[in-house]
Amino acid sequence: MKPEEFIELLEERPFVPLLLHMSNGRIHEVRHPEMAIVGEDVVALGISQEGSEFPRIRLVSLPHINEIEQISLSAK
């Protein structure tokens, strides 16, 4: 995936939450556009932690994103 493609999804208004399906089988959720920072080859994701006001940061490789699925929070 190209960085520009990911940025386009983050800039959609209203924003629709995303599920990132990775080549290793993992799935990462992006509930808010400000919780993802797109670089040239990686995306830094803010991951909420219970009991902490600060998110953890997880780096995921753009070339290893197989699919991005738009989801509805009401379905969760």
PDB file of N, CA and C in Angstrom:
ATOM      1  N   MET A   1       0.842  -1.178   0.000  1.00  0.00           N
ATOM      2  CA  MET A   1       0.000   0.000   0.000  1.00  0.00           C
ATOM      3  C   MET A   1       0.881   1.232   0.000  1.00  0.00           C
ATOM      4  N   LYS A   2       0.443   2.241  -0.738  1.00  0.00           N
ATOM      5  CA  LYS A   2       1.162   3.510  -0.794  1.00  0.00           C
ATOM      6  C   LYS A   2       0.697   4.403   0.352  1.00  0.00           C
ATOM      7  N   PRO A   3       1.620   5.223   0.898  1.00  0.00           N
ATOM      8  CA  PRO A   3       1.237   6.120   1.999  1.00  0.00           C
ATOM      9  C   PRO A   3       0.060   7.017   1.637  1.00  0.00           C
ATOM     10  N   GLU A   4       0.019   7.498   0.394  1.00  0.00           N
ATOM     11  CA  GLU A   4      -1.042   8.407  -0.033  1.00  0.00           C
ATOM     12  C   GLU A   4      -2.419   7.747   0.058  1.00  0.00           C
ATOM     13  N   GLU A   5      -2.483   6.461  -0.248  1.00  0.00           N
ATOM     14  CA  GLU A   5      -3.755   5.732  -0.191  1.00  0.00           C
ATOM     15  C   GLU A   5      -4.270   5.655   1.245  1.00  0.00           C
ATOM     16  N   PHE A   6      -3.348   5.380   2.175  1.00  0.00           N
ATOM     17  CA  PHE A   6      -3.728   5.297   3.583  1.00  0.00           C
ATOM     18  C   PHE A   6      -4.160   6.673   4.096  1.00  0.00           C
ATOM     19  N   ILE A   7      -3.433   7.701   3.713  1.00  0.00           N
ATOM     20  CA  ILE A   7      -3.759   9.069   4.147  1.00  0.00           C
ATOM     21  C   ILE A   7      -5.142   9.469   3.654  1.00  0.00           C
ATOM     22  N   GLU A   8      -5.489   9.095   2.429  1.00  0.00           N
ATOM     23  CA  GLU A   8      -6.826   9.399   1.895  1.00  0.00           C
ATOM     24  C   GLU A   8      -7.921   8.821   2.788  1.00  0.00           C
ATOM     25  N   LEU A   9      -7.740   7.583   3.250  1.00  0.00           N
ATOM     26  CA  LEU A   9      -8.741   6.964   4.132  1.00  0.00           C
ATOM     27  C   LEU A   9      -8.830   7.699   5.463  1.00  0.00           C
ATOM     28  N   LEU A  10      -7.688   8.158   5.983  1.00  0.00           N
ATOM     29  CA  LEU A  10      -7.687   8.883   7.257  1.00  0.00           C
ATOM     30  C   LEU A  10      -8.320  10.262   7.134  1.00  0.00           C
ATOM     31  N   GLU A  11      -8.277  10.840   5.938  1.00  0.00           N
ATOM     32  CA  GLU A  11      -8.810  12.190   5.734  1.00  0.00           C
ATOM     33  C   GLU A  11     -10.286  12.217   5.358  1.00  0.00           C
ATOM     34  N   GLU A  12     -10.896  11.047   5.139  1.00  0.00           N
ATOM     35  CA  GLU A  12     -12.327  11.018   4.810  1.00  0.00           C
ATOM     36  C   GLU A  12     -13.139  11.628   5.946  1.00  0.00           C
ATOM     37  N   ARG A  13     -14.158  12.402   5.595  1.00  0.00           N
ATOM     38  CA  ARG A  13     -15.063  12.987   6.578  1.00  0.00           C
ATOM     39  C   ARG A  13     -16.488  12.707   6.153  1.00  0.00           C
ATOM     40  N   PRO A  14     -17.301  12.168   7.016  1.00  0.00           N
ATOM     41  CA  PRO A  14     -16.927  11.733   8.352  1.00  0.00           C
ATOM     42  C   PRO A  14     -15.985  10.533   8.275  1.00  0.00           C
ATOM     43  N   PHE A  15     -15.083  10.459   9.254  1.00  0.00           N
ATOM     44  CA  PHE A  15     -14.126   9.358   9.306  1.00  0.00           C
ATOM     45  C   PHE A  15     -14.846   8.051   9.618  1.00  0.00           C
ATOM     46  N   VAL A  16     -14.467   7.010   8.923  1.00  0.00           N
ATOM     47  CA  VAL A  16     -15.006   5.668   9.166  1.00  0.00           C
ATOM     48  C   VAL A  16     -13.871   4.827   9.746  1.00  0.00           C
ATOM     49  N   PRO A  17     -14.052   4.232  10.942  1.00  0.00           N
ATOM     50  CA  PRO A  17     -13.003   3.409  11.541  1.00  0.00           C
ATOM     51  C   PRO A  17     -12.524   2.314  10.591  1.00  0.00           C
ATOM     52  N   LEU A  18     -11.265   1.924  10.775  1.00  0.00           N
ATOM     53  CA  LEU A  18     -10.615   0.988   9.862  1.00  0.00           C
ATOM     54  C   LEU A  18     -10.087  -0.234  10.589  1.00  0.00           C
ATOM     55  N   LEU A  19     -10.108  -1.367   9.905  1.00  0.00           N
ATOM     56  CA  LEU A  19      -9.408  -2.566  10.345  1.00  0.00           C
ATOM     57  C   LEU A  19      -8.296  -2.826   9.338  1.00  0.00           C
ATOM     58  N   LEU A  20      -7.068  -2.949   9.837  1.00  0.00           N
ATOM     59  CA  LEU A  20      -5.929  -3.240   8.982  1.00  0.00           C
ATOM     60  C   LEU A  20      -5.633  -4.731   9.069  1.00  0.00           C
ATOM     61  N   HIS A  21      -5.742  -5.432   7.968  1.00  0.00           N
ATOM     62  CA  HIS A  21      -5.450  -6.869   7.913  1.00  0.00           C
ATOM     63  C   HIS A  21      -4.015  -7.014   7.419  1.00  0.00           C
ATOM     64  N   MET A  22      -3.157  -7.587   8.264  1.00  0.00           N
ATOM     65  CA  MET A  22      -1.734  -7.689   7.974  1.00  0.00           C
ATOM     66  C   MET A  22      -1.379  -9.047   7.359  1.00  0.00           C
ATOM     67  N   SER A  23      -0.223  -9.102   6.711  1.00  0.00           N
ATOM     68  CA  SER A  23       0.221 -10.334   6.069  1.00  0.00           C
ATOM     69  C   SER A  23       0.519 -11.450   7.070  1.00  0.00           C
ATOM     70  N   ASN A  24       0.784 -11.108   8.337  1.00  0.00           N
ATOM     71  CA  ASN A  24       1.048 -12.127   9.356  1.00  0.00           C
ATOM     72  C   ASN A  24      -0.232 -12.605  10.046  1.00  0.00           C
ATOM     73  N   GLY A  25      -1.389 -12.132   9.576  1.00  0.00           N
ATOM     74  CA  GLY A  25      -2.664 -12.556  10.134  1.00  0.00           C
ATOM     75  C   GLY A  25      -3.206 -11.647  11.221  1.00  0.00           C
ATOM     76  N   ARG A  26      -2.402 -10.729  11.721  1.00  0.00           N
ATOM     77  CA  ARG A  26      -2.878  -9.805  12.750  1.00  0.00           C
ATOM     78  C   ARG A  26      -3.838  -8.791  12.154  1.00  0.00           C
ATOM     79  N   ILE A  27      -4.673  -8.250  13.031  1.00  0.00           N
ATOM     80  CA  ILE A  27      -5.612  -7.198  12.642  1.00  0.00           C
ATOM     81  C   ILE A  27      -5.440  -6.046  13.625  1.00  0.00           C
ATOM     82  N   HIS A  28      -5.304  -4.842  13.092  1.00  0.00           N
ATOM     83  CA  HIS A  28      -5.171  -3.641  13.916  1.00  0.00           C
ATOM     84  C   HIS A  28      -6.345  -2.723  13.617  1.00  0.00           C
ATOM     85  N   GLU A  29      -6.840  -2.074  14.655  1.00  0.00           N
ATOM     86  CA  GLU A  29      -7.994  -1.196  14.528  1.00  0.00           C
ATOM     87  C   GLU A  29      -7.561   0.260  14.642  1.00  0.00           C
ATOM     88  N   VAL A  30      -8.115   1.099  13.767  1.00  0.00           N
ATOM     89  CA  VAL A  30      -7.894   2.549  13.833  1.00  0.00           C
ATOM     90  C   VAL A  30      -9.272   3.169  14.029  1.00  0.00           C
ATOM     91  N   ARG A  31      -9.555   3.607  15.272  1.00  0.00           N
ATOM     92  CA  ARG A  31     -10.872   4.173  15.583  1.00  0.00           C
ATOM     93  C   ARG A  31     -10.958   5.671  15.331  1.00  0.00           C
ATOM     94  N   HIS A  32      -9.804   6.349  15.365  1.00  0.00           N
ATOM     95  CA  HIS A  32      -9.762   7.800  15.181  1.00  0.00           C
ATOM     96  C   HIS A  32      -8.600   8.135  14.252  1.00  0.00           C
ATOM     97  N   PRO A  33      -8.782   9.053  13.317  1.00  0.00           N
ATOM     98  CA  PRO A  33      -7.714   9.358  12.362  1.00  0.00           C
ATOM     99  C   PRO A  33      -6.452   9.913  13.019  1.00  0.00           C
ATOM    100  N   GLU A  34      -6.599  10.572  14.151  1.00  0.00           N
ATOM    101  CA  GLU A  34      -5.422  11.120  14.826  1.00  0.00           C
ATOM    102  C   GLU A  34      -4.597  10.055  15.547  1.00  0.00           C
ATOM    103  N   MET A  35      -5.070   8.813  15.530  1.00  0.00           N
ATOM    104  CA  MET A  35      -4.334   7.713  16.170  1.00  0.00           C
ATOM    105  C   MET A  35      -3.449   6.965  15.169  1.00  0.00           C
ATOM    106  N   ALA A  36      -3.245   7.535  13.988  1.00  0.00           N
ATOM    107  CA  ALA A  36      -2.364   6.930  12.987  1.00  0.00           C
ATOM    108  C   ALA A  36      -1.515   8.016  12.343  1.00  0.00           C
ATOM    109  N   ILE A  37      -0.214   7.787  12.316  1.00  0.00           N
ATOM    110  CA  ILE A  37       0.718   8.693  11.657  1.00  0.00           C
ATOM    111  C   ILE A  37       1.394   7.895  10.550  1.00  0.00           C
ATOM    112  N   VAL A  38       1.229   8.372   9.317  1.00  0.00           N
ATOM    113  CA  VAL A  38       1.712   7.630   8.156  1.00  0.00           C
ATOM    114  C   VAL A  38       3.086   8.150   7.737  1.00  0.00           C
ATOM    115  N   GLY A  39       4.031   7.217   7.640  1.00  0.00           N
ATOM    116  CA  GLY A  39       5.366   7.527   7.133  1.00  0.00           C
ATOM    117  C   GLY A  39       5.522   6.945   5.743  1.00  0.00           C
ATOM    118  N   GLU A  40       6.745   6.929   5.264  1.00  0.00           N
ATOM    119  CA  GLU A  40       7.009   6.423   3.921  1.00  0.00           C
ATOM    120  C   GLU A  40       6.779   4.912   3.819  1.00  0.00           C
ATOM    121  N   ASP A  41       7.207   4.163   4.848  1.00  0.00           N
ATOM    122  CA  ASP A  41       7.098   2.705   4.820  1.00  0.00           C
ATOM    123  C   ASP A  41       6.337   2.122   6.000  1.00  0.00           C
ATOM    124  N   VAL A  42       6.039   2.944   7.005  1.00  0.00           N
ATOM    125  CA  VAL A  42       5.380   2.445   8.212  1.00  0.00           C
ATOM    126  C   VAL A  42       4.246   3.371   8.622  1.00  0.00           C
ATOM    127  N   VAL A  43       3.360   2.813   9.446  1.00  0.00           N
ATOM    128  CA  VAL A  43       2.305   3.590  10.082  1.00  0.00           C
ATOM    129  C   VAL A  43       2.490   3.414  11.589  1.00  0.00           C
ATOM    130  N   ALA A  44       2.541   4.518  12.314  1.00  0.00           N
ATOM    131  CA  ALA A  44       2.584   4.476  13.773  1.00  0.00           C
ATOM    132  C   ALA A  44       1.149   4.534  14.263  1.00  0.00           C
ATOM    133  N   LEU A  45       0.728   3.504  14.977  1.00  0.00           N
ATOM    134  CA  LEU A  45      -0.638   3.427  15.491  1.00  0.00           C
ATOM    135  C   LEU A  45      -0.637   3.671  16.989  1.00  0.00           C
ATOM    136  N   GLY A  46      -1.538   4.509  17.450  1.00  0.00           N
ATOM    137  CA  GLY A  46      -1.744   4.693  18.882  1.00  0.00           C
ATOM    138  C   GLY A  46      -2.726   3.639  19.353  1.00  0.00           C
ATOM    139  N   ILE A  47      -2.305   2.823  20.306  1.00  0.00           N
ATOM    140  CA  ILE A  47      -3.133   1.738  20.831  1.00  0.00           C
ATOM    141  C   ILE A  47      -3.543   2.091  22.258  1.00  0.00           C
ATOM    142  N   SER A  48      -4.848   2.215  22.493  1.00  0.00           N
ATOM    143  CA  SER A  48      -5.342   2.559  23.830  1.00  0.00           C
ATOM    144  C   SER A  48      -5.008   1.462  24.830  1.00  0.00           C
ATOM    145  N   GLN A  49      -4.675   1.891  26.048  1.00  0.00           N
ATOM    146  CA  GLN A  49      -4.392   0.951  27.138  1.00  0.00           C
ATOM    147  C   GLN A  49      -5.340   1.244  28.285  1.00  0.00           C
ATOM    148  N   GLU A  50      -5.981   0.219  28.788  1.00  0.00           N
ATOM    149  CA  GLU A  50      -6.852   0.418  29.949  1.00  0.00           C
ATOM    150  C   GLU A  50      -6.014   0.863  31.135  1.00  0.00           C
ATOM    151  N   GLY A  51      -6.542   1.825  31.885  1.00  0.00           N
ATOM    152  CA  GLY A  51      -5.863   2.302  33.076  1.00  0.00           C
ATOM    153  C   GLY A  51      -4.768   3.323  32.809  1.00  0.00           C
ATOM    154  N   SER A  52      -4.581   3.710  31.547  1.00  0.00           N
ATOM    155  CA  SER A  52      -3.563   4.698  31.217  1.00  0.00           C
ATOM    156  C   SER A  52      -4.167   5.754  30.310  1.00  0.00           C
ATOM    157  N   GLU A  53      -3.784   6.990  30.528  1.00  0.00           N
ATOM    158  CA  GLU A  53      -4.293   8.058  29.674  1.00  0.00           C
ATOM    159  C   GLU A  53      -3.484   8.182  28.389  1.00  0.00           C
ATOM    160  N   PHE A  54      -2.331   7.502  28.320  1.00  0.00           N
ATOM    161  CA  PHE A  54      -1.457   7.580  27.150  1.00  0.00           C
ATOM    162  C   PHE A  54      -1.483   6.275  26.365  1.00  0.00           C
ATOM    163  N   PRO A  55      -1.575   6.381  25.042  1.00  0.00           N
ATOM    164  CA  PRO A  55      -1.578   5.162  24.226  1.00  0.00           C
ATOM    165  C   PRO A  55      -0.169   4.598  24.053  1.00  0.00           C
ATOM    166  N   ARG A  56      -0.099   3.304  23.768  1.00  0.00           N
ATOM    167  CA  ARG A  56       1.153   2.685  23.329  1.00  0.00           C
ATOM    168  C   ARG A  56       1.268   2.966  21.839  1.00  0.00           C
ATOM    169  N   ILE A  57       2.469   2.892  21.322  1.00  0.00           N
ATOM    170  CA  ILE A  57       2.690   3.086  19.894  1.00  0.00           C
ATOM    171  C   ILE A  57       3.091   1.743  19.286  1.00  0.00           C
ATOM    172  N   ARG A  58       2.426   1.380  18.201  1.00  0.00           N
ATOM    173  CA  ARG A  58       2.777   0.164  17.460  1.00  0.00           C
ATOM    174  C   ARG A  58       3.081   0.582  16.030  1.00  0.00           C
ATOM    175  N   LEU A  59       4.231   0.131  15.516  1.00  0.00           N
ATOM    176  CA  LEU A  59       4.608   0.413  14.136  1.00  0.00           C
ATOM    177  C   LEU A  59       4.206  -0.766  13.264  1.00  0.00           C
ATOM    178  N   VAL A  60       3.511  -0.482  12.175  1.00  0.00           N
ATOM    179  CA  VAL A  60       3.151  -1.532  11.223  1.00  0.00           C
ATOM    180  C   VAL A  60       3.686  -1.140   9.844  1.00  0.00           C
ATOM    181  N   SER A  61       4.086  -2.129   9.106  1.00  0.00           N
ATOM    182  CA  SER A  61       4.685  -1.934   7.795  1.00  0.00           C
ATOM    183  C   SER A  61       3.612  -1.744   6.723  1.00  0.00           C
ATOM    184  N   LEU A  62       3.700  -0.651   5.978  1.00  0.00           N
ATOM    185  CA  LEU A  62       2.730  -0.408   4.902  1.00  0.00           C
ATOM    186  C   LEU A  62       2.718  -1.541   3.865  1.00  0.00           C
ATOM    187  N   PRO A  63       3.880  -2.059   3.431  1.00  0.00           N
ATOM    188  CA  PRO A  63       3.832  -3.142   2.440  1.00  0.00           C
ATOM    189  C   PRO A  63       3.170  -4.424   2.964  1.00  0.00           C
ATOM    190  N   HIS A  64       3.057  -4.576   4.288  1.00  0.00           N
ATOM    191  CA  HIS A  64       2.462  -5.781   4.862  1.00  0.00           C
ATOM    192  C   HIS A  64       0.976  -5.638   5.169  1.00  0.00           C
ATOM    193  N   ILE A  65       0.386  -4.501   4.805  1.00  0.00           N
ATOM    194  CA  ILE A  65      -1.064  -4.354   4.939  1.00  0.00           C
ATOM    195  C   ILE A  65      -1.698  -4.994   3.709  1.00  0.00           C
ATOM    196  N   ASN A  66      -2.419  -6.100   3.923  1.00  0.00           N
ATOM    197  CA  ASN A  66      -3.055  -6.812   2.812  1.00  0.00           C
ATOM    198  C   ASN A  66      -4.396  -6.205   2.435  1.00  0.00           C
ATOM    199  N   GLU A  67      -5.116  -5.711   3.445  1.00  0.00           N
ATOM    200  CA  GLU A  67      -6.465  -5.196   3.201  1.00  0.00           C
ATOM    201  C   GLU A  67      -6.803  -4.184   4.282  1.00  0.00           C
ATOM    202  N   ILE A  68      -7.571  -3.174   3.888  1.00  0.00           N
ATOM    203  CA  ILE A  68      -8.119  -2.229   4.865  1.00  0.00           C
ATOM    204  C   ILE A  68      -9.625  -2.288   4.730  1.00  0.00           C
ATOM    205  N   GLU A  69     -10.267  -2.568   5.847  1.00  0.00           N
ATOM    206  CA  GLU A  69     -11.721  -2.708   5.886  1.00  0.00           C
ATOM    207  C   GLU A  69     -12.304  -1.556   6.681  1.00  0.00           C
ATOM    208  N   GLN A  70     -13.283  -0.859   6.111  1.00  0.00           N
ATOM    209  CA  GLN A  70     -13.990   0.182   6.856  1.00  0.00           C
ATOM    210  C   GLN A  70     -15.071  -0.488   7.679  1.00  0.00           C
ATOM    211  N   ILE A  71     -15.158  -0.085   8.965  1.00  0.00           N
ATOM    212  CA  ILE A  71     -16.120  -0.721   9.876  1.00  0.00           C
ATOM    213  C   ILE A  71     -16.998   0.320  10.539  1.00  0.00           C
ATOM    214  N   SER A  72     -18.101  -0.146  11.086  1.00  0.00           N
ATOM    215  CA  SER A  72     -19.008   0.705  11.834  1.00  0.00           C
ATOM    216  C   SER A  72     -18.796   0.431  13.312  1.00  0.00           C
ATOM    217  N   LEU A  73     -18.589   1.490  14.103  1.00  0.00           N
ATOM    218  CA  LEU A  73     -18.417   1.299  15.543  1.00  0.00           C
ATOM    219  C   LEU A  73     -19.670   0.741  16.198  1.00  0.00           C
ATOM    220  N   SER A  74     -20.835   1.010  15.602  1.00  0.00           N
ATOM    221  CA  SER A  74     -22.068   0.502  16.172  1.00  0.00           C
ATOM    222  C   SER A  74     -22.166  -1.014  16.025  1.00  0.00           C
ATOM    223  N   ALA A  75     -21.380  -1.599  15.115  1.00  0.00           N
ATOM    224  CA  ALA A  75     -21.378  -3.049  14.918  1.00  0.00           C
ATOM    225  C   ALA A  75     -20.542  -3.748  15.955  1.00  0.00           C
ATOM    226  N   LYS A  76     -19.719  -3.009  16.687  1.00  0.00           N
ATOM    227  CA  LYS A  76     -18.837  -3.622  17.682  1.00  0.00           C
ATOM    228  C   LYS A  76     -19.502  -3.793  19.000  1.00  0.00           C
TER     229      LYS A  76
END
